[in-house]
């Protein structure tokens, strides 16, 4: 029978392993200048997803992203409102909704334009890893 210190060590190790797994999950959050700057300064893989509520392609992309969350990809996706983020669109030269601009740190690594298939979105996000 395991001793109390052995059980405690096992519990701590399990909790740390679970936390490490969570850190590797696809993180989807609303866009903010601060969130983008923090991810870029840290050298992280980050994508800005230009999304519009009225866009059916964007809604399909949301479903694909939700499915990708379970895969443990270490990428942050910042969802920017296409209709409101006009300055950001101009700065990143984005001319339509349903676009992902993918960065590793401050360097743009690729774009995903109008794509809804999970495998294509996955491949497009992986270029920043």
N, C-alpha and C. Protein backbone atom coordinates (compact mmCIF):
# COMPACT_ATOMS: atom_id res chain seq x y z
N UNK A 1 0.85 -1.18 0.00
CA UNK A 1 0.00 0.00 0.00
C UNK A 1 0.89 1.25 0.00
N UNK A 2 0.59 2.23 -0.88
CA UNK A 2 1.43 3.43 -0.95
C UNK A 2 1.32 4.27 0.32
N UNK A 3 2.42 4.90 0.65
CA UNK A 3 2.43 5.78 1.81
C UNK A 3 1.86 7.13 1.44
N UNK A 4 1.53 7.92 2.45
CA UNK A 4 0.96 9.25 2.22
C UNK A 4 1.91 10.15 1.44
N UNK A 5 3.22 10.19 1.75
CA UNK A 5 4.13 11.02 0.96
C UNK A 5 4.20 10.57 -0.51
N UNK A 6 4.14 9.27 -0.74
CA UNK A 6 4.17 8.76 -2.12
C UNK A 6 2.91 9.19 -2.87
N UNK A 7 1.76 9.14 -2.20
CA UNK A 7 0.51 9.57 -2.83
C UNK A 7 0.56 11.07 -3.15
N UNK A 8 1.10 11.84 -2.22
CA UNK A 8 1.19 13.28 -2.44
C UNK A 8 2.08 13.58 -3.65
N UNK A 9 3.21 12.89 -3.75
CA UNK A 9 4.11 13.09 -4.89
C UNK A 9 3.43 12.72 -6.20
N UNK A 10 2.68 11.62 -6.18
CA UNK A 10 1.97 11.18 -7.37
C UNK A 10 0.91 12.20 -7.78
N UNK A 11 0.18 12.73 -6.81
CA UNK A 11 -0.83 13.74 -7.11
C UNK A 11 -0.21 15.01 -7.69
N UNK A 12 0.90 15.44 -7.11
CA UNK A 12 1.58 16.63 -7.61
C UNK A 12 2.08 16.39 -9.03
N UNK A 13 2.67 15.25 -9.28
CA UNK A 13 3.17 14.93 -10.62
C UNK A 13 2.03 14.89 -11.63
N UNK A 14 0.90 14.32 -11.24
CA UNK A 14 -0.26 14.25 -12.13
C UNK A 14 -0.80 15.65 -12.42
N UNK A 15 -0.86 16.49 -11.40
CA UNK A 15 -1.36 17.87 -11.59
C UNK A 15 -0.42 18.65 -12.50
N UNK A 16 0.89 18.50 -12.33
CA UNK A 16 1.85 19.20 -13.18
C UNK A 16 1.76 18.72 -14.63
N UNK A 17 1.59 17.42 -14.82
CA UNK A 17 1.44 16.89 -16.17
C UNK A 17 0.18 17.42 -16.83
N UNK A 18 -0.90 17.49 -16.07
CA UNK A 18 -2.16 18.02 -16.61
C UNK A 18 -2.02 19.49 -16.96
N UNK A 19 -1.35 20.25 -16.10
CA UNK A 19 -1.14 21.68 -16.37
C UNK A 19 -0.28 21.87 -17.61
N UNK A 20 0.73 21.05 -17.79
CA UNK A 20 1.58 21.14 -18.98
C UNK A 20 0.77 20.84 -20.22
N UNK A 21 -0.14 19.88 -20.14
CA UNK A 21 -1.01 19.56 -21.27
C UNK A 21 -1.92 20.71 -21.62
N UNK A 22 -2.44 21.40 -20.62
CA UNK A 22 -3.32 22.53 -20.86
C UNK A 22 -2.56 23.69 -21.51
N UNK A 23 -1.31 23.85 -21.16
CA UNK A 23 -0.51 24.93 -21.72
C UNK A 23 -0.29 24.72 -23.22
N UNK A 24 -0.44 23.50 -23.68
CA UNK A 24 -0.22 23.18 -25.08
C UNK A 24 -1.51 23.24 -25.90
N UNK A 25 -2.62 23.65 -25.31
CA UNK A 25 -3.89 23.66 -26.01
C UNK A 25 -4.05 24.90 -26.87
N UNK A 26 -4.78 24.74 -27.97
CA UNK A 26 -5.14 25.88 -28.81
C UNK A 26 -5.94 26.85 -27.95
N UNK A 27 -5.50 28.09 -27.90
CA UNK A 27 -6.12 29.11 -27.06
C UNK A 27 -6.84 30.11 -27.96
N UNK A 28 -8.17 30.18 -27.84
CA UNK A 28 -8.97 31.10 -28.65
C UNK A 28 -9.52 32.18 -27.74
N UNK A 29 -9.24 33.43 -28.08
CA UNK A 29 -9.70 34.54 -27.25
C UNK A 29 -9.98 35.77 -28.11
N UNK A 30 -10.72 36.72 -27.57
CA UNK A 30 -11.00 37.94 -28.34
C UNK A 30 -9.71 38.71 -28.61
N UNK A 31 -9.68 39.38 -29.75
CA UNK A 31 -8.52 40.19 -30.11
C UNK A 31 -8.41 41.42 -29.22
N UNK A 32 -7.19 41.74 -28.85
CA UNK A 32 -6.86 43.03 -28.26
C UNK A 32 -5.43 43.34 -28.67
N UNK A 33 -5.11 44.62 -28.78
CA UNK A 33 -3.73 45.01 -29.10
C UNK A 33 -2.77 44.44 -28.08
N UNK A 34 -3.19 44.46 -26.82
CA UNK A 34 -2.34 43.97 -25.73
C UNK A 34 -2.07 42.47 -25.86
N UNK A 35 -3.11 41.70 -26.14
CA UNK A 35 -2.93 40.25 -26.28
C UNK A 35 -1.99 39.92 -27.44
N UNK A 36 -2.15 40.61 -28.56
CA UNK A 36 -1.27 40.38 -29.69
C UNK A 36 0.17 40.77 -29.34
N UNK A 37 0.35 41.92 -28.73
CA UNK A 37 1.70 42.38 -28.36
C UNK A 37 2.36 41.41 -27.39
N UNK A 38 1.62 40.91 -26.41
CA UNK A 38 2.19 39.98 -25.43
C UNK A 38 2.61 38.68 -26.11
N UNK A 39 1.77 38.13 -26.98
CA UNK A 39 2.11 36.89 -27.67
C UNK A 39 3.32 37.09 -28.57
N UNK A 40 3.35 38.23 -29.27
CA UNK A 40 4.46 38.48 -30.18
C UNK A 40 5.76 38.72 -29.42
N UNK A 41 5.70 39.46 -28.33
CA UNK A 41 6.90 39.73 -27.53
C UNK A 41 7.47 38.44 -26.96
N UNK A 42 6.58 37.51 -26.60
CA UNK A 42 7.01 36.23 -26.05
C UNK A 42 7.49 35.27 -27.14
N UNK A 43 7.35 35.67 -28.41
CA UNK A 43 7.79 34.81 -29.50
C UNK A 43 6.86 33.65 -29.77
N UNK A 44 5.62 33.75 -29.31
CA UNK A 44 4.65 32.67 -29.46
C UNK A 44 4.05 32.62 -30.86
N UNK A 45 3.48 31.46 -31.15
CA UNK A 45 2.68 31.30 -32.36
C UNK A 45 1.32 31.93 -32.08
N UNK A 46 0.93 32.87 -32.93
CA UNK A 46 -0.34 33.57 -32.73
C UNK A 46 -0.95 33.86 -34.10
N UNK A 47 -2.28 33.72 -34.16
CA UNK A 47 -2.99 34.04 -35.40
C UNK A 47 -4.10 35.03 -35.08
N UNK A 48 -4.27 36.00 -35.95
CA UNK A 48 -5.39 36.92 -35.84
C UNK A 48 -6.43 36.45 -36.84
N UNK A 49 -7.62 36.12 -36.33
CA UNK A 49 -8.71 35.63 -37.17
C UNK A 49 -9.70 36.77 -37.37
N UNK A 50 -9.80 37.25 -38.60
CA UNK A 50 -10.76 38.31 -38.91
C UNK A 50 -12.12 37.67 -39.14
N UNK A 51 -13.02 37.91 -38.21
CA UNK A 51 -14.31 37.24 -38.12
C UNK A 51 -15.43 38.26 -38.16
N UNK A 52 -16.53 37.91 -38.83
CA UNK A 52 -17.72 38.75 -38.83
C UNK A 52 -18.92 37.89 -38.44
N UNK A 53 -19.79 38.42 -37.61
CA UNK A 53 -20.96 37.67 -37.15
C UNK A 53 -21.85 37.24 -38.31
N UNK A 54 -21.92 38.00 -39.36
CA UNK A 54 -22.79 37.73 -40.49
C UNK A 54 -22.17 36.78 -41.51
N UNK A 55 -20.94 36.37 -41.29
CA UNK A 55 -20.16 35.59 -42.26
C UNK A 55 -20.34 34.08 -42.03
N UNK A 56 -20.94 33.39 -43.01
CA UNK A 56 -21.15 31.94 -42.86
C UNK A 56 -19.83 31.18 -42.89
N UNK A 57 -18.86 31.64 -43.67
CA UNK A 57 -17.54 31.00 -43.70
C UNK A 57 -16.88 31.11 -42.34
N UNK A 58 -16.99 32.27 -41.71
CA UNK A 58 -16.41 32.48 -40.37
C UNK A 58 -17.02 31.51 -39.36
N UNK A 59 -18.31 31.28 -39.45
CA UNK A 59 -18.99 30.36 -38.53
C UNK A 59 -18.48 28.94 -38.72
N UNK A 60 -18.21 28.55 -39.97
CA UNK A 60 -17.63 27.23 -40.24
C UNK A 60 -16.20 27.16 -39.68
N UNK A 61 -15.45 28.26 -39.81
CA UNK A 61 -14.10 28.30 -39.27
C UNK A 61 -14.12 28.14 -37.75
N UNK A 62 -15.11 28.75 -37.10
CA UNK A 62 -15.27 28.59 -35.65
C UNK A 62 -15.41 27.13 -35.27
N UNK A 63 -16.22 26.40 -36.02
CA UNK A 63 -16.42 24.96 -35.75
C UNK A 63 -15.12 24.20 -35.93
N UNK A 64 -14.37 24.53 -36.96
CA UNK A 64 -13.09 23.85 -37.18
C UNK A 64 -12.10 24.15 -36.06
N UNK A 65 -12.06 25.40 -35.61
CA UNK A 65 -11.18 25.76 -34.49
C UNK A 65 -11.57 25.02 -33.22
N UNK A 66 -12.87 24.91 -32.96
CA UNK A 66 -13.34 24.18 -31.78
C UNK A 66 -12.88 22.73 -31.84
N UNK A 67 -12.93 22.12 -33.01
CA UNK A 67 -12.47 20.74 -33.16
C UNK A 67 -10.95 20.64 -32.97
N UNK A 68 -10.22 21.66 -33.39
CA UNK A 68 -8.76 21.64 -33.25
C UNK A 68 -8.29 21.84 -31.81
N UNK A 69 -9.13 22.38 -30.96
CA UNK A 69 -8.74 22.61 -29.55
C UNK A 69 -8.27 21.33 -28.88
N UNK A 70 -8.89 20.22 -29.22
CA UNK A 70 -8.56 18.94 -28.58
C UNK A 70 -7.20 18.39 -29.03
N UNK A 71 -6.63 18.94 -30.06
CA UNK A 71 -5.38 18.40 -30.59
C UNK A 71 -4.13 18.87 -29.85
N UNK A 72 -4.26 19.89 -29.03
CA UNK A 72 -3.12 20.32 -28.23
C UNK A 72 -2.10 21.16 -28.97
N UNK A 73 -2.52 21.86 -30.00
CA UNK A 73 -1.61 22.74 -30.74
C UNK A 73 -1.33 23.99 -29.90
N UNK A 74 -0.08 24.35 -29.74
CA UNK A 74 0.30 25.49 -28.91
C UNK A 74 0.27 26.79 -29.71
N UNK A 75 -0.94 27.23 -30.06
CA UNK A 75 -1.16 28.44 -30.85
C UNK A 75 -2.26 29.25 -30.18
N UNK A 76 -2.09 30.56 -30.16
CA UNK A 76 -3.14 31.45 -29.69
C UNK A 76 -3.84 32.04 -30.90
N UNK A 77 -5.17 31.96 -30.93
CA UNK A 77 -5.96 32.55 -32.00
C UNK A 77 -6.74 33.73 -31.40
N UNK A 78 -6.46 34.91 -31.91
CA UNK A 78 -7.14 36.12 -31.45
C UNK A 78 -8.21 36.47 -32.47
N UNK A 79 -9.46 36.48 -32.04
CA UNK A 79 -10.58 36.72 -32.94
C UNK A 79 -10.88 38.21 -32.99
N UNK A 80 -10.62 38.80 -34.17
CA UNK A 80 -10.83 40.23 -34.38
C UNK A 80 -12.13 40.45 -35.13
N UNK A 81 -12.92 41.40 -34.68
CA UNK A 81 -14.18 41.74 -35.33
C UNK A 81 -13.87 42.48 -36.63
N UNK A 82 -14.15 41.85 -37.75
CA UNK A 82 -13.82 42.41 -39.06
C UNK A 82 -14.44 43.79 -39.26
N UNK A 83 -15.67 43.96 -38.79
CA UNK A 83 -16.38 45.22 -39.00
C UNK A 83 -15.87 46.36 -38.12
N UNK A 84 -15.28 46.03 -36.97
CA UNK A 84 -14.84 47.07 -36.03
C UNK A 84 -13.35 47.36 -36.08
N UNK A 85 -12.55 46.39 -36.42
CA UNK A 85 -11.08 46.54 -36.37
C UNK A 85 -10.52 47.07 -37.69
N UNK A 86 -11.00 48.24 -38.11
CA UNK A 86 -10.59 48.80 -39.40
C UNK A 86 -9.11 49.17 -39.44
N UNK A 87 -8.60 49.74 -38.36
CA UNK A 87 -7.17 50.10 -38.34
C UNK A 87 -6.28 48.85 -38.41
N UNK A 88 -6.68 47.82 -37.69
CA UNK A 88 -5.93 46.57 -37.71
C UNK A 88 -5.96 45.94 -39.11
N UNK A 89 -7.13 45.96 -39.74
CA UNK A 89 -7.25 45.44 -41.11
C UNK A 89 -6.30 46.17 -42.04
N UNK A 90 -6.26 47.48 -41.91
CA UNK A 90 -5.38 48.28 -42.76
C UNK A 90 -3.92 47.96 -42.48
N UNK A 91 -3.57 47.89 -41.20
CA UNK A 91 -2.18 47.62 -40.79
C UNK A 91 -1.70 46.27 -41.30
N UNK A 92 -2.59 45.26 -41.31
CA UNK A 92 -2.21 43.92 -41.74
C UNK A 92 -2.59 43.63 -43.19
N UNK A 93 -3.13 44.66 -43.87
CA UNK A 93 -3.50 44.53 -45.27
C UNK A 93 -4.50 43.39 -45.50
N UNK A 94 -5.56 43.39 -44.71
CA UNK A 94 -6.62 42.40 -44.82
C UNK A 94 -7.82 43.06 -45.47
N UNK A 95 -8.31 42.45 -46.54
CA UNK A 95 -9.39 43.07 -47.32
C UNK A 95 -10.71 42.31 -47.27
N UNK A 96 -10.74 41.20 -46.54
CA UNK A 96 -12.00 40.46 -46.42
C UNK A 96 -12.03 39.73 -45.08
N UNK A 97 -13.23 39.35 -44.68
CA UNK A 97 -13.39 38.56 -43.46
C UNK A 97 -12.95 37.12 -43.75
N UNK A 98 -12.98 36.30 -42.75
CA UNK A 98 -12.60 34.87 -42.80
C UNK A 98 -11.13 34.68 -43.19
N UNK A 99 -10.28 35.56 -42.67
CA UNK A 99 -8.84 35.50 -42.91
C UNK A 99 -8.12 35.31 -41.58
N UNK A 100 -7.14 34.41 -41.57
CA UNK A 100 -6.22 34.25 -40.45
C UNK A 100 -4.87 34.80 -40.89
N UNK A 101 -4.28 35.68 -40.09
CA UNK A 101 -2.91 36.12 -40.33
C UNK A 101 -2.09 35.45 -39.23
N UNK A 102 -1.14 34.61 -39.63
CA UNK A 102 -0.41 33.74 -38.70
C UNK A 102 1.00 34.27 -38.48
N UNK A 103 1.36 34.42 -37.20
CA UNK A 103 2.67 34.96 -36.82
C UNK A 103 3.42 33.99 -35.92
N UNK A 104 4.73 34.05 -36.00
CA UNK A 104 5.61 33.49 -34.97
C UNK A 104 6.35 34.70 -34.45
N UNK A 105 6.01 35.12 -33.23
CA UNK A 105 6.54 36.39 -32.74
C UNK A 105 5.98 37.49 -33.61
N UNK A 106 6.84 38.37 -34.09
CA UNK A 106 6.37 39.49 -34.92
C UNK A 106 6.45 39.18 -36.41
N UNK A 107 6.98 38.03 -36.77
CA UNK A 107 7.15 37.70 -38.18
C UNK A 107 5.92 36.97 -38.72
N UNK A 108 5.32 37.52 -39.77
CA UNK A 108 4.19 36.84 -40.40
C UNK A 108 4.70 35.59 -41.10
N UNK A 109 4.05 34.46 -40.80
CA UNK A 109 4.45 33.18 -41.37
C UNK A 109 3.50 32.68 -42.46
N UNK A 110 2.29 33.24 -42.50
CA UNK A 110 1.35 32.80 -43.52
C UNK A 110 -0.04 33.37 -43.30
N UNK A 111 -0.91 33.06 -44.25
CA UNK A 111 -2.31 33.48 -44.18
C UNK A 111 -3.18 32.31 -44.59
N UNK A 112 -4.34 32.26 -43.97
CA UNK A 112 -5.37 31.29 -44.33
C UNK A 112 -6.56 32.14 -44.76
N UNK A 113 -6.97 32.01 -46.01
CA UNK A 113 -8.01 32.88 -46.55
C UNK A 113 -9.22 32.05 -46.95
N UNK A 114 -10.35 32.26 -46.26
CA UNK A 114 -11.61 31.63 -46.62
C UNK A 114 -11.66 30.13 -46.48
N UNK A 115 -10.70 29.55 -45.79
CA UNK A 115 -10.63 28.09 -45.66
C UNK A 115 -11.45 27.62 -44.46
N UNK A 116 -12.21 26.53 -44.64
CA UNK A 116 -13.01 25.99 -43.54
C UNK A 116 -12.62 24.57 -43.16
N UNK A 117 -11.86 23.90 -44.01
CA UNK A 117 -11.50 22.50 -43.72
C UNK A 117 -10.49 22.44 -42.57
N UNK A 118 -10.77 21.58 -41.62
CA UNK A 118 -9.94 21.44 -40.43
C UNK A 118 -8.47 21.20 -40.80
N UNK A 119 -8.22 20.29 -41.72
CA UNK A 119 -6.83 19.96 -42.05
C UNK A 119 -6.09 21.15 -42.65
N UNK A 120 -6.78 21.97 -43.43
CA UNK A 120 -6.14 23.16 -44.02
C UNK A 120 -5.88 24.24 -42.98
N UNK A 121 -6.83 24.41 -42.05
CA UNK A 121 -6.62 25.38 -40.97
C UNK A 121 -5.49 24.90 -40.07
N UNK A 122 -5.48 23.62 -39.73
CA UNK A 122 -4.41 23.05 -38.92
C UNK A 122 -3.06 23.30 -39.57
N UNK A 123 -2.94 22.97 -40.85
CA UNK A 123 -1.67 23.15 -41.57
C UNK A 123 -1.26 24.62 -41.61
N UNK A 124 -2.25 25.50 -41.80
CA UNK A 124 -1.96 26.93 -41.85
C UNK A 124 -1.49 27.50 -40.53
N UNK A 125 -2.01 26.96 -39.43
CA UNK A 125 -1.58 27.42 -38.10
C UNK A 125 -0.22 26.82 -37.74
N UNK A 126 0.04 25.61 -38.17
CA UNK A 126 1.30 24.94 -37.83
C UNK A 126 2.54 25.61 -38.40
N UNK A 127 2.37 26.46 -39.42
CA UNK A 127 3.55 27.12 -40.00
C UNK A 127 4.24 28.02 -38.98
N UNK A 128 3.53 28.39 -37.92
CA UNK A 128 4.11 29.27 -36.90
C UNK A 128 4.76 28.50 -35.76
N UNK A 129 4.65 27.19 -35.76
CA UNK A 129 5.23 26.41 -34.66
C UNK A 129 6.70 26.10 -34.90
